[in-house]
Amino acid sequence: MEALNNWLLTLDGFLGSSAWFPYVLLGVGLFFTLYLGFPQIRYFRQAWRVVSGKYDHSHMKGDTSHFQALTTALSGTVGTGNIGGVAFAIFLGGPAALFWMWMTAFLGMTTKFVEVTLSHKYRDRAPDGTMAGGPMYYMDKRLNMKWLAIIFAIATVISSFGTGNLPQINNIAQGMEATFGIKPILTGGVLAVILAMVILGGISRIAKVTSKVVPFMAVFYVLGALSVIALNIENLWPSFKAVFANAFTGSAAAGGFLGASFAYAFNRGVNRGLFSNEAGQGSAPIAHASARADEPVSEGLVSILEPFIDTIIICTLTGMVILCSGVWTEKFENKFQRADMVVLAGNYTDTVDADRQQLYAYLNGQDSEVKTFSGAVKVVEGQVAEGGPITVINARSVAEDVRFRLGGHPYSGLLDITNGKLEDPDVNVVGKSLVHSAELTTRAFTRGYFGDYGQYVVSIGLLLFAFSTAIAWSYYGDRAVIYLLGYKWVMPYRVLYVAGFFWASFSDTTMVWNLAAVAIVLMTLPNLFGILMLAKEMKQTVRDYWASLKD
């Protein structure tokens, strides 16, 4: 698993975590925003009119209403990205990362408008009578690039696991264990059965479930978040100020947080923003293709609301809860995951400025004197007795009160360490450090009016958010399978999807997030290329829509 995780990190370094990817993603959104005259602002009111059902007619082709298509697409985007993803972005880049999540969402509103409109325009009817659409159809039918359509469809199948499946149940299981003490394998087993019952019913059952679950879970989560912000209201303005003040400079060190450079905060903010709202990824157009509409632009307008609801509203609430509560700079007792931990040569502390500067440079990929440790240390009753000196870094922070355990008991003996990594996979490490993902959000929600009961808001919210995401992504994947292999392969795909869902409930969290990061980019790049090729057609399609609406 560690070797696989390292390979995923290397691959992600050339893709989503590379210096060029955020500029490509934001650049396409900026281009269409200017080219179409800021549609996310000009057409915002019309989007609400369409989703309200004002233009719905029963004779139109499709399987779902505008509202059901929106809630299905939202169920695919409102998931762990809103709870664990925001926390992960702030953990990595500090308050500055939230600013770049906002920018990704604002420009992403236009990107989603374009990709949904074009995909709806070239949708097709599947053998079972339902609608099938997505970027692969406009790539094939309009661009005559079947090879690109095949690449996108394959990436969609992979991403259905890497984005919509594995990270979702992993975070659910983690949250249920932390809050209720339920073993991950039990959570995975029960929810896998429920997932199978829902997705076997196809888009009609999926739409009915999501149209009821999404509004409820949004209200439930928003009320819980406001309870934390209200109790820490004096920190609200300083938190917003920090987001804007650090946007172009990076986030300074604070408490256990060692700081993040501008490049690091920018990259992680854009990356997590894409994971949250999926604008440009090409996933939402698959859900919107099912909508009953004769005018593709009308469904594109509905999709403008997704990044706004998902990121501008829900992700902002999560971010303010984390920043206002102050937990993002605090260290908590936790079990260290190997992928988050590295052993350094020498003694470092986050209370000395010189050490902070060296560690900051090391963690942000800059020139630093910090080196990883290789050698052996003697451990007695869980504590390092001889060897070193060493410093354990976990979750990008200097770990404190570090203990080594084996089989639930303090470990005694020699520990071999190579390039900062423990050789013995059976030895566990516990201590105090920063935390991230769903655990960080859970800690923040205990700082509100509900006290420790606030953790239940996160656990239940995570359960609803993530599970609905897994439902929606199963539909995205099976539409891609229909395009690639035909309708007869849908059922085998769904079985494999449920099996993967169960397996991920007890797999390594960090590895799952890294798999998701790679899978997202494998969908996004072909889709961005495709919509750029059809920019002129998109502009004319929008003109035709407004002309027909006037008539």
Protein backbone atom coordinates (compact mmCIF):
# COMPACT_ATOMS: atom_id res chain seq x y z
CA MET A 1 0.00 0.00 0.00
CA GLU A 2 2.83 2.39 0.80
CA ALA A 3 4.45 1.70 -2.59
CA LEU A 4 1.12 2.29 -4.34
CA ASN A 5 0.61 5.52 -2.40
CA ASN A 6 4.08 6.76 -3.37
CA TRP A 7 3.34 5.98 -7.03
CA LEU A 8 0.06 7.92 -6.84
CA LEU A 9 1.87 10.87 -5.26
CA THR A 10 4.43 10.84 -8.08
CA LEU A 11 1.71 10.69 -10.72
CA ASP A 12 -0.25 13.47 -9.01
CA GLY A 13 2.94 15.56 -9.02
CA PHE A 14 2.81 15.59 -12.83
CA LEU A 15 -0.97 16.19 -12.94
CA GLY A 16 -3.21 17.85 -10.33
CA SER A 17 -0.40 18.96 -8.02
CA SER A 18 1.75 20.28 -10.85
CA ALA A 19 2.38 24.00 -11.25
CA TRP A 20 0.57 24.18 -14.61
CA PHE A 21 -2.75 22.46 -13.82
CA PRO A 22 -4.41 25.22 -11.72
CA TYR A 23 -3.62 27.75 -14.44
CA VAL A 24 -5.21 25.54 -17.10
CA LEU A 25 -8.36 25.01 -15.03
CA LEU A 26 -8.78 28.65 -14.02
CA GLY A 27 -7.66 29.84 -17.44
CA VAL A 28 -10.46 27.99 -19.25
CA GLY A 29 -13.01 29.31 -16.76
CA LEU A 30 -11.67 32.87 -17.14
CA PHE A 31 -11.73 32.61 -20.93
CA PHE A 32 -15.38 31.56 -21.07
CA THR A 33 -16.33 34.08 -18.39
CA LEU A 34 -14.98 36.90 -20.55
CA TYR A 35 -16.00 35.35 -23.89
CA LEU A 36 -19.64 34.88 -22.81
CA GLY A 37 -19.83 38.13 -20.81
CA PHE A 38 -19.94 36.89 -17.20
CA PRO A 39 -22.90 34.48 -17.53
CA GLN A 40 -22.58 33.43 -13.88
CA ILE A 41 -23.73 36.95 -12.95
CA ARG A 42 -25.99 37.93 -15.86
CA TYR A 43 -27.93 34.65 -15.98
CA PHE A 44 -28.09 33.92 -12.25
CA ARG A 45 -31.75 34.96 -11.82
CA GLN A 46 -32.80 33.07 -14.94
CA ALA A 47 -31.15 29.94 -13.55
CA TRP A 48 -33.43 30.07 -10.50
CA ARG A 49 -36.47 30.57 -12.75
CA VAL A 50 -35.61 27.48 -14.78
CA VAL A 51 -34.94 25.24 -11.77
CA SER A 52 -38.24 26.34 -10.21
CA GLY A 53 -40.06 24.56 -13.03
CA LYS A 54 -41.35 27.67 -14.81
CA TYR A 55 -40.39 26.29 -18.23
CA ASP A 56 -41.04 22.58 -17.59
CA HIS A 57 -43.35 20.70 -19.97
CA SER A 58 -44.23 17.01 -19.84
CA HIS A 59 -43.77 16.54 -23.61
CA MET A 60 -40.05 17.37 -23.44
CA LYS A 61 -37.55 14.54 -23.85
CA GLY A 62 -35.81 13.34 -20.69
CA ASP A 63 -36.11 11.29 -17.52
CA THR A 64 -36.02 13.88 -14.72
CA SER A 65 -37.14 17.44 -13.97
CA HIS A 66 -34.68 20.35 -13.87
CA PHE A 67 -34.78 20.24 -10.07
CA GLN A 68 -34.15 16.48 -9.92
CA ALA A 69 -31.23 16.82 -12.35
CA LEU A 70 -29.80 19.62 -10.18
CA THR A 71 -30.15 17.62 -6.95
CA THR A 72 -28.64 14.53 -8.60
CA ALA A 73 -25.67 16.58 -9.81
CA LEU A 74 -25.42 18.31 -6.41
CA SER A 75 -25.46 14.94 -4.68
CA GLY A 76 -22.43 14.11 -6.81
CA THR A 77 -20.58 17.29 -5.81
CA VAL A 78 -21.77 17.93 -2.24
CA GLY A 79 -19.79 15.22 -0.46
CA THR A 80 -16.53 14.72 1.35
CA GLY A 81 -15.11 17.73 -0.50
CA ASN A 82 -17.41 19.97 1.53
CA ILE A 83 -16.47 18.42 4.87
CA GLY A 84 -13.12 16.69 4.51
CA GLY A 85 -11.89 18.45 1.38
CA VAL A 86 -12.16 21.99 2.77
CA ALA A 87 -10.46 20.88 5.96
CA PHE A 88 -7.71 19.23 3.90
CA ALA A 89 -7.18 22.43 1.88
CA ILE A 90 -6.90 24.61 5.01
CA PHE A 91 -4.66 22.03 6.67
CA LEU A 92 -2.32 22.19 3.66
CA GLY A 93 -2.49 25.85 2.67
CA GLY A 94 -4.04 27.72 5.58
CA PRO A 95 -6.74 30.41 5.11
CA ALA A 96 -5.32 31.37 1.70
CA ALA A 97 -6.44 28.05 0.25
CA LEU A 98 -10.08 28.97 0.88
CA PHE A 99 -9.74 32.08 -1.29
CA TRP A 100 -8.60 29.96 -4.22
CA MET A 101 -11.46 27.54 -3.65
CA TRP A 102 -13.78 30.55 -4.08
CA MET A 103 -12.06 31.63 -7.28
CA THR A 104 -12.31 28.10 -8.64
CA ALA A 105 -16.04 28.11 -7.87
CA PHE A 106 -16.74 31.56 -9.38
CA LEU A 107 -15.01 30.76 -12.66
CA GLY A 108 -16.28 27.19 -12.45
CA MET A 109 -19.88 28.44 -12.62
CA THR A 110 -19.18 29.45 -16.23
CA THR A 111 -17.20 26.31 -17.03
CA LYS A 112 -20.07 24.14 -15.81
CA PHE A 113 -22.57 26.21 -17.81
CA VAL A 114 -20.59 25.47 -20.97
CA GLU A 115 -19.92 21.76 -20.43
CA VAL A 116 -23.51 21.00 -19.41
CA THR A 117 -25.02 22.91 -22.35
CA LEU A 118 -22.83 21.17 -24.93
CA SER A 119 -23.27 17.73 -23.40
CA HIS A 120 -27.06 18.12 -23.21
CA LYS A 121 -27.12 19.26 -26.84
CA TYR A 122 -25.50 16.04 -28.07
CA ARG A 123 -27.05 13.52 -25.68
CA ASP A 124 -28.36 10.19 -26.93
CA ARG A 125 -30.93 7.59 -25.91
CA ALA A 126 -29.66 4.39 -24.26
CA PRO A 127 -31.02 0.92 -25.18
CA ASP A 128 -33.18 0.88 -22.04
CA GLY A 129 -34.96 4.05 -23.16
CA THR A 130 -33.25 6.44 -20.73
CA MET A 131 -31.11 9.40 -21.80
CA ALA A 132 -27.34 9.06 -21.94
CA GLY A 133 -25.09 12.06 -22.22
CA GLY A 134 -21.83 13.60 -21.17
CA PRO A 135 -18.71 15.06 -22.79
CA MET A 136 -17.97 11.76 -24.58
CA TYR A 137 -21.04 12.32 -26.76
CA TYR A 138 -20.12 15.79 -28.02
CA MET A 139 -16.53 14.63 -28.49
CA ASP A 140 -17.78 11.76 -30.67
CA LYS A 141 -20.81 13.25 -32.47
CA ARG A 142 -19.65 16.86 -32.91
CA LEU A 143 -15.85 16.88 -32.80
CA ASN A 144 -15.51 13.50 -34.53
CA MET A 145 -12.83 12.60 -31.99
CA LYS A 146 -13.94 9.15 -30.91
CA TRP A 147 -10.48 8.48 -29.51
CA LEU A 148 -10.84 11.46 -27.14
CA ALA A 149 -14.34 10.34 -26.18
CA ILE A 150 -12.99 6.89 -25.31
CA ILE A 151 -10.22 8.40 -23.16
CA PHE A 152 -12.77 10.52 -21.31
CA ALA A 153 -15.18 7.63 -20.80
CA ILE A 154 -12.43 5.38 -19.44
CA ALA A 155 -11.33 8.20 -17.13
CA THR A 156 -14.95 8.59 -15.99
CA VAL A 157 -15.15 4.94 -14.98
CA ILE A 158 -11.86 5.25 -13.08
CA SER A 159 -12.97 8.53 -11.51
CA SER A 160 -16.31 7.04 -10.45
CA PHE A 161 -14.23 4.94 -8.07
CA GLY A 162 -11.51 7.50 -7.31
CA THR A 163 -13.84 10.47 -6.79
CA GLY A 164 -17.35 9.29 -6.07
CA ASN A 165 -16.85 5.94 -4.43
CA LEU A 166 -13.66 5.23 -2.47
CA PRO A 167 -13.12 8.61 -0.70
CA GLN A 168 -16.79 8.87 0.22
CA ILE A 169 -17.19 5.62 2.17
CA ASN A 170 -13.68 6.01 3.58
CA ASN A 171 -14.65 9.32 5.20
CA ILE A 172 -18.03 7.98 6.31
CA ALA A 173 -16.41 5.00 8.02
CA GLN A 174 -13.75 7.21 9.62
CA GLY A 175 -16.37 9.58 10.98
CA MET A 176 -18.66 6.83 12.28
CA GLU A 177 -15.77 5.13 14.08
CA ALA A 178 -14.53 8.38 15.65
CA THR A 179 -18.01 9.43 16.79
CA PHE A 180 -19.92 6.24 17.52
CA GLY A 181 -17.15 3.64 17.77
CA ILE A 182 -18.62 1.59 14.90
CA LYS A 183 -16.01 -0.54 13.12
CA PRO A 184 -15.37 0.62 9.52
CA ILE A 185 -16.00 -2.82 8.05
CA LEU A 186 -19.48 -2.85 9.61
CA THR A 187 -20.30 0.62 8.30
CA GLY A 188 -19.06 -0.37 4.86
CA GLY A 189 -21.08 -3.58 4.83
CA VAL A 190 -24.40 -2.00 5.79
CA LEU A 191 -24.07 0.97 3.43
CA ALA A 192 -22.90 -1.24 0.56
CA VAL A 193 -26.18 -3.15 0.78
CA ILE A 194 -28.21 0.09 0.80
CA LEU A 195 -26.16 1.46 -2.10
CA ALA A 196 -26.89 -1.65 -4.15
CA MET A 197 -30.62 -1.30 -3.47
CA VAL A 198 -30.64 2.30 -4.73
CA ILE A 199 -28.44 2.13 -7.83
CA LEU A 200 -30.04 -1.02 -9.21
CA GLY A 201 -33.18 1.06 -9.75
CA GLY A 202 -31.46 3.32 -12.28
CA ILE A 203 -31.77 7.09 -12.75
CA SER A 204 -35.46 7.28 -11.79
CA ARG A 205 -34.85 5.84 -8.32
CA ILE A 206 -31.59 7.77 -7.94
CA ALA A 207 -33.34 11.06 -8.80
CA LYS A 208 -36.17 10.39 -6.35
CA VAL A 209 -33.75 9.61 -3.52
CA THR A 210 -31.41 12.57 -4.14
CA SER A 211 -34.24 15.10 -4.59
CA LYS A 212 -35.35 14.30 -1.02
CA VAL A 213 -31.96 13.79 0.64
CA VAL A 214 -30.03 16.79 -0.75
CA PRO A 215 -32.29 19.62 0.55
CA PHE A 216 -32.59 17.98 3.98
CA MET A 217 -28.87 17.37 4.40
CA ALA A 218 -28.00 20.92 3.30
CA VAL A 219 -30.31 22.53 5.86
CA PHE A 220 -29.15 20.14 8.59
CA TYR A 221 -25.47 20.90 7.96
CA VAL A 222 -25.93 24.67 7.60
CA LEU A 223 -27.70 24.93 10.97
CA GLY A 224 -24.91 22.97 12.66
CA ALA A 225 -22.23 25.19 11.09
CA LEU A 226 -24.00 28.40 12.12
CA SER A 227 -24.10 27.20 15.73
CA VAL A 228 -20.28 27.10 15.77
CA ILE A 229 -19.82 30.42 13.97
CA ALA A 230 -22.32 32.15 16.28
CA LEU A 231 -20.43 31.04 19.41
CA ASN A 232 -17.13 32.21 17.91
CA ILE A 233 -18.53 35.28 16.16
CA GLU A 234 -15.67 37.47 17.35
CA ASN A 235 -13.34 35.41 15.13
CA LEU A 236 -15.47 35.65 12.00
CA TRP A 237 -14.14 38.93 10.61
CA PRO A 238 -10.47 38.11 11.42
CA SER A 239 -10.98 34.76 9.65
CA PHE A 240 -12.36 36.40 6.51
CA LYS A 241 -9.58 38.97 6.67
CA ALA A 242 -6.95 36.23 6.87
CA VAL A 243 -8.39 34.53 3.78
CA PHE A 244 -8.00 37.67 1.66
CA ALA A 245 -4.82 38.99 3.30
CA ASN A 246 -2.95 35.73 2.65
CA ALA A 247 -4.36 35.00 -0.81
CA PHE A 248 -1.31 36.24 -2.73
CA THR A 249 1.35 35.78 -0.09
CA GLY A 250 0.63 32.37 1.41
CA SER A 251 -0.42 31.65 4.98
CA ALA A 252 1.90 32.50 7.85
CA ALA A 253 2.75 30.08 10.65
CA ALA A 254 0.25 29.94 13.52
CA GLY A 255 0.32 27.56 16.47
CA GLY A 256 1.19 24.08 15.24
CA PHE A 257 0.65 25.16 11.62
CA LEU A 258 4.09 25.76 10.12
CA GLY A 259 2.93 27.98 7.26
CA ALA A 260 2.32 27.55 3.54
CA SER A 261 3.79 29.37 0.55
CA PHE A 262 1.61 31.12 -2.01
CA ALA A 263 2.31 28.43 -4.61
CA TYR A 264 1.33 25.68 -2.18
CA ALA A 265 -1.85 27.41 -0.98
CA PHE A 266 -2.85 28.33 -4.55
CA ASN A 267 -2.32 24.82 -5.88
CA ARG A 268 -4.11 23.08 -3.03
CA GLY A 269 -6.98 25.55 -3.00
CA VAL A 270 -7.66 25.13 -6.71
CA ASN A 271 -7.20 21.37 -6.48
CA ARG A 272 -9.61 20.98 -3.56
CA GLY A 273 -12.01 23.43 -5.20
CA LEU A 274 -12.21 21.18 -8.24
CA PHE A 275 -12.71 18.12 -6.05
CA SER A 276 -15.56 19.90 -4.30
CA ASN A 277 -17.57 21.41 -7.19
CA GLU A 278 -16.21 19.33 -10.13
CA ALA A 279 -16.52 22.29 -12.52
CA GLY A 280 -14.62 21.35 -15.67
CA GLN A 281 -14.36 17.72 -14.74
CA GLY A 282 -17.23 16.72 -17.01
CA SER A 283 -19.15 14.69 -14.44
CA ALA A 284 -22.20 16.90 -13.84
CA PRO A 285 -23.14 17.00 -17.56
CA ILE A 286 -23.87 13.28 -17.33
CA ALA A 287 -26.55 13.90 -14.68
CA HIS A 288 -27.96 16.95 -16.47
CA ALA A 289 -28.33 14.98 -19.70
CA SER A 290 -31.27 13.19 -18.10
CA ALA A 291 -33.27 16.43 -17.64
CA ARG A 292 -36.49 17.03 -19.56
CA ALA A 293 -35.56 20.02 -21.73
CA ASP A 294 -35.61 20.84 -25.43
CA GLU A 295 -33.26 23.80 -24.99
CA PRO A 296 -29.74 22.67 -23.92
CA VAL A 297 -28.94 26.17 -22.62
CA SER A 298 -31.79 25.98 -20.11
CA GLU A 299 -30.14 23.00 -18.44
CA GLY A 300 -26.77 24.75 -18.64
CA LEU A 301 -28.29 27.63 -16.69
CA VAL A 302 -29.40 25.25 -13.95
CA SER A 303 -25.84 23.98 -13.59
CA ILE A 304 -24.59 27.52 -12.82
CA LEU A 305 -26.14 27.09 -9.38
CA GLU A 306 -24.06 24.02 -8.48
CA PRO A 307 -20.66 25.63 -7.72
CA PHE A 308 -22.49 28.48 -6.01
CA ILE A 309 -24.38 26.16 -3.63
CA ASP A 310 -21.58 23.67 -3.23
CA THR A 311 -18.54 25.90 -2.77
CA ILE A 312 -19.61 29.51 -2.25
CA ILE A 313 -22.17 28.52 0.41
CA ILE A 314 -21.45 25.10 1.93
CA CYS A 315 -17.63 25.05 1.63
CA THR A 316 -17.44 28.61 2.96
CA LEU A 317 -19.46 27.60 6.02
CA THR A 318 -17.12 24.67 6.66
CA GLY A 319 -14.08 26.88 6.20
CA MET A 320 -15.37 29.54 8.59
CA VAL A 321 -16.22 26.89 11.20
CA ILE A 322 -12.64 25.59 11.04
CA LEU A 323 -11.01 29.04 11.04
CA CYS A 324 -13.28 30.63 13.67
CA SER A 325 -12.88 27.71 16.06
CA GLY A 326 -9.08 27.82 15.75
CA VAL A 327 -8.70 24.03 15.61
CA TRP A 328 -6.66 24.17 12.39
CA THR A 329 -3.62 25.37 14.41
CA GLU A 330 -4.09 22.98 17.37
CA LYS A 331 -2.50 19.59 17.97
CA PHE A 332 -4.65 16.64 19.01
CA GLU A 333 -3.94 13.12 20.21
CA ASN A 334 -4.24 10.76 17.24
CA LYS A 335 -2.88 7.64 15.60
CA PHE A 336 -0.37 8.62 12.91
CA GLN A 337 -0.94 7.38 9.38
CA ARG A 338 2.27 6.33 7.66
CA ALA A 339 1.62 8.46 4.60
CA ASP A 340 1.36 11.57 6.84
CA MET A 341 4.47 10.82 8.88
CA VAL A 342 8.20 11.35 8.29
CA VAL A 343 11.17 11.09 10.65
CA LEU A 344 13.75 13.88 10.36
CA ALA A 345 17.38 13.88 11.42
CA GLY A 346 18.00 16.34 14.28
CA ASN A 347 15.92 18.07 16.91
CA TYR A 348 13.41 20.64 15.68
CA THR A 349 10.68 22.52 17.50
CA ASP A 350 7.91 24.82 16.30
CA THR A 351 8.58 27.25 19.17
CA VAL A 352 11.94 28.43 17.72
CA ASP A 353 11.81 30.79 14.73
CA ALA A 354 14.93 29.35 13.09
CA ASP A 355 13.49 25.83 13.24
CA ARG A 356 10.14 27.06 11.92
CA GLN A 357 11.80 28.65 8.91
CA GLN A 358 13.72 25.49 8.06
CA LEU A 359 10.65 23.29 8.45
CA TYR A 360 8.55 25.75 6.42
CA ALA A 361 11.03 25.54 3.55
CA TYR A 362 11.15 21.74 3.77
CA LEU A 363 7.36 21.29 3.77
CA ASN A 364 6.85 23.75 0.90
CA GLY A 365 9.45 22.20 -1.39
CA GLN A 366 12.03 24.96 -1.00
CA ASP A 367 15.76 24.75 -0.26
CA SER A 368 16.25 23.59 3.31
CA GLU A 369 18.89 22.09 5.57
CA VAL A 370 16.33 19.61 6.89
CA LYS A 371 17.11 15.96 6.05
CA THR A 372 15.21 12.75 6.58
CA PHE A 373 16.63 10.24 9.05
CA SER A 374 18.07 6.86 8.12
CA GLY A 375 19.32 4.45 10.76
CA ALA A 376 18.17 2.61 13.85
CA VAL A 377 16.79 3.92 17.14
CA LYS A 378 16.32 2.02 20.38
CA VAL A 379 12.84 2.21 21.89
CA VAL A 380 12.04 1.31 25.51
CA GLU A 381 8.42 1.15 26.68
CA GLY A 382 7.30 3.11 23.66
CA GLN A 383 9.81 5.95 24.04
CA VAL A 384 13.02 6.60 22.06
CA ALA A 385 15.94 5.79 24.36
CA GLU A 386 18.99 5.83 22.07
CA GLY A 387 19.78 6.82 18.50
CA GLY A 388 19.09 9.97 16.58
CA PRO A 389 18.52 12.73 17.46
CA ILE A 390 15.24 12.61 15.53
CA THR A 391 12.09 14.68 15.07
CA VAL A 392 8.81 13.13 14.04
CA ILE A 393 6.73 15.19 11.64
CA ASN A 394 3.10 14.13 11.32
CA ALA A 395 0.41 15.89 9.31
CA ARG A 396 2.86 18.70 8.43
CA SER A 397 3.47 19.53 12.09
CA VAL A 398 6.06 18.75 14.77
CA ALA A 399 4.64 15.77 16.65
CA GLU A 400 4.64 15.81 20.45
CA ASP A 401 4.45 13.06 23.07
CA VAL A 402 5.31 10.45 20.43
CA ARG A 403 4.88 6.80 21.47
CA PHE A 404 5.50 3.59 19.58
CA ARG A 405 3.09 0.68 20.08
CA LEU A 406 2.84 -2.92 18.94
CA GLY A 407 -0.34 -4.94 19.34
CA GLY A 408 -1.86 -2.30 21.61
CA HIS A 409 1.11 -2.28 24.01
CA PRO A 410 4.21 -0.06 24.33
CA TYR A 411 6.94 -1.27 21.99
CA SER A 412 10.47 -2.08 23.11
CA GLY A 413 13.31 -2.90 20.72
CA LEU A 414 15.17 -1.49 17.71
CA LEU A 415 13.35 0.44 15.01
CA ASP A 416 14.88 0.65 11.55
CA ILE A 417 14.15 3.87 9.67
CA THR A 418 15.02 4.47 6.00
CA ASN A 419 14.66 7.89 4.40
CA GLY A 420 12.34 8.98 7.18
CA LYS A 421 10.01 5.95 6.95
CA LEU A 422 9.58 3.17 9.52
CA GLU A 423 10.51 -0.24 8.16
CA ASP A 424 8.31 -2.33 10.49
CA PRO A 425 4.70 -2.09 9.24
CA ASP A 426 3.29 -3.55 12.47
CA VAL A 427 4.51 -0.78 14.77
CA ASN A 428 1.93 1.96 15.30
CA VAL A 429 2.79 5.54 16.25
CA VAL A 430 0.56 7.77 18.37
CA GLY A 431 0.98 11.26 19.75
CA LYS A 432 -0.15 14.86 19.31
CA SER A 433 -0.13 16.63 15.95
CA LEU A 434 -2.34 18.58 13.60
CA VAL A 435 -5.20 16.62 12.07
CA HIS A 436 -6.89 16.97 8.71
CA SER A 437 -9.83 15.93 6.54
CA ALA A 438 -13.07 14.91 8.28
CA GLU A 439 -11.40 14.67 11.68
CA LEU A 440 -10.43 18.35 11.60
CA THR A 441 -13.98 19.39 10.71
CA THR A 442 -15.33 17.15 13.47
CA ARG A 443 -13.06 18.84 16.03
CA ALA A 444 -14.25 22.25 14.85
CA PHE A 445 -17.93 21.38 15.24
CA THR A 446 -17.41 20.57 18.93
CA ARG A 447 -16.56 24.27 19.53
CA GLY A 448 -20.15 25.46 19.03
CA TYR A 449 -23.35 25.66 21.06
CA PHE A 450 -23.82 21.91 20.82
CA GLY A 451 -20.44 21.19 22.43
CA ASP A 452 -19.30 17.59 21.99
CA TYR A 453 -22.66 16.79 20.40
CA GLY A 454 -21.52 18.87 17.43
CA GLN A 455 -19.48 15.92 16.22
CA TYR A 456 -22.77 14.16 15.44
CA VAL A 457 -23.63 16.93 12.97
CA VAL A 458 -20.45 16.13 11.04
CA SER A 459 -20.89 12.37 11.23
CA ILE A 460 -24.52 12.44 10.10
CA GLY A 461 -23.82 15.19 7.55
CA LEU A 462 -20.86 13.24 6.22
CA LEU A 463 -22.97 10.11 6.02
CA LEU A 464 -25.67 11.87 3.98
CA PHE A 465 -23.31 13.97 1.84
CA ALA A 466 -20.89 11.20 0.98
CA PHE A 467 -23.47 8.48 0.48
CA SER A 468 -25.50 10.63 -1.92
CA THR A 469 -22.26 11.35 -3.82
CA ALA A 470 -21.59 7.64 -4.18
CA ILE A 471 -25.12 7.17 -5.55
CA ALA A 472 -24.70 9.90 -8.18
CA TRP A 473 -21.27 8.72 -9.29
CA SER A 474 -22.53 5.20 -9.88
CA TYR A 475 -24.80 6.73 -12.53
CA TYR A 476 -21.92 8.65 -14.09
CA GLY A 477 -19.89 5.48 -14.30
CA ASP A 478 -22.62 3.33 -15.79
CA ARG A 479 -23.34 5.95 -18.53
CA ALA A 480 -19.64 5.80 -19.44
CA VAL A 481 -19.79 1.99 -19.47
CA ILE A 482 -22.78 2.13 -21.85
CA TYR A 483 -20.76 4.32 -24.21
CA LEU A 484 -17.69 2.09 -24.06
CA LEU A 485 -19.07 -1.45 -23.89
CA GLY A 486 -22.84 -1.36 -24.24
CA TYR A 487 -25.77 -1.69 -21.86
CA LYS A 488 -25.10 -5.37 -20.98
CA TRP A 489 -21.99 -4.34 -19.03
CA VAL A 490 -23.84 -1.96 -16.71
CA MET A 491 -24.77 -4.63 -14.17
CA PRO A 492 -21.20 -6.03 -13.80
CA TYR A 493 -19.99 -2.46 -13.34
CA ARG A 494 -22.54 -1.81 -10.59
CA VAL A 495 -21.53 -4.98 -8.77
CA LEU A 496 -17.86 -3.97 -8.92
CA TYR A 497 -18.80 -0.47 -7.78
CA VAL A 498 -20.54 -1.80 -4.67
CA ALA A 499 -17.60 -4.14 -3.93
CA GLY A 500 -15.13 -1.25 -4.18
CA PHE A 501 -17.36 0.82 -1.92
CA PHE A 502 -17.18 -1.88 0.75
CA TRP A 503 -13.40 -2.36 0.43
CA ALA A 504 -12.62 1.35 0.75
CA SER A 505 -14.38 1.55 4.12
CA PHE A 506 -11.34 0.04 5.82
CA SER A 507 -8.46 1.12 3.52
CA ASP A 508 -5.86 3.85 4.08
CA THR A 509 -7.40 7.36 4.03
CA THR A 510 -4.48 9.25 2.52
CA MET A 511 -4.03 6.76 -0.32
CA VAL A 512 -7.71 7.10 -1.24
CA TRP A 513 -7.44 10.90 -1.38
CA ASN A 514 -4.37 10.60 -3.61
CA LEU A 515 -6.18 8.21 -5.95
CA ALA A 516 -9.05 10.69 -6.18
CA ALA A 517 -6.66 13.53 -7.03
CA VAL A 518 -5.23 11.60 -9.99
CA ALA A 519 -8.60 10.39 -11.27
CA ILE A 520 -10.06 13.91 -11.34
CA VAL A 521 -7.40 15.23 -13.70
CA LEU A 522 -7.76 12.26 -16.05
CA MET A 523 -11.33 13.43 -16.71
CA THR A 524 -10.76 17.17 -16.59
CA LEU A 525 -8.08 17.65 -19.24
CA PRO A 526 -9.95 15.99 -22.18
CA ASN A 527 -13.15 17.84 -21.21
CA LEU A 528 -11.46 21.26 -21.05
CA PHE A 529 -9.88 20.65 -24.44
CA GLY A 530 -13.24 19.65 -25.91
CA ILE A 531 -15.23 22.67 -24.72
CA LEU A 532 -12.51 25.03 -25.94
CA MET A 533 -12.83 23.50 -29.40
CA LEU A 534 -16.57 24.33 -29.36
CA ALA A 535 -16.34 27.88 -27.97
CA LYS A 536 -17.87 29.53 -31.07
CA GLU A 537 -20.73 27.04 -31.18
CA MET A 538 -21.41 27.62 -27.49
CA LYS A 539 -21.71 31.38 -28.01
CA GLN A 540 -24.13 30.92 -30.92
CA THR A 541 -26.19 28.38 -28.97
CA VAL A 542 -26.62 30.90 -26.13
CA ARG A 543 -27.71 33.61 -28.60
CA ASP A 544 -30.26 31.26 -30.14
CA TYR A 545 -31.67 30.40 -26.72
CA TRP A 546 -32.32 34.01 -25.73
CA ALA A 547 -33.80 34.73 -29.16
CA SER A 548 -36.20 31.78 -28.83
CA LEU A 549 -37.13 32.82 -25.30
CA LYS A 550 -38.13 36.29 -26.53
CA ASP A 551 -40.24 34.73 -29.30
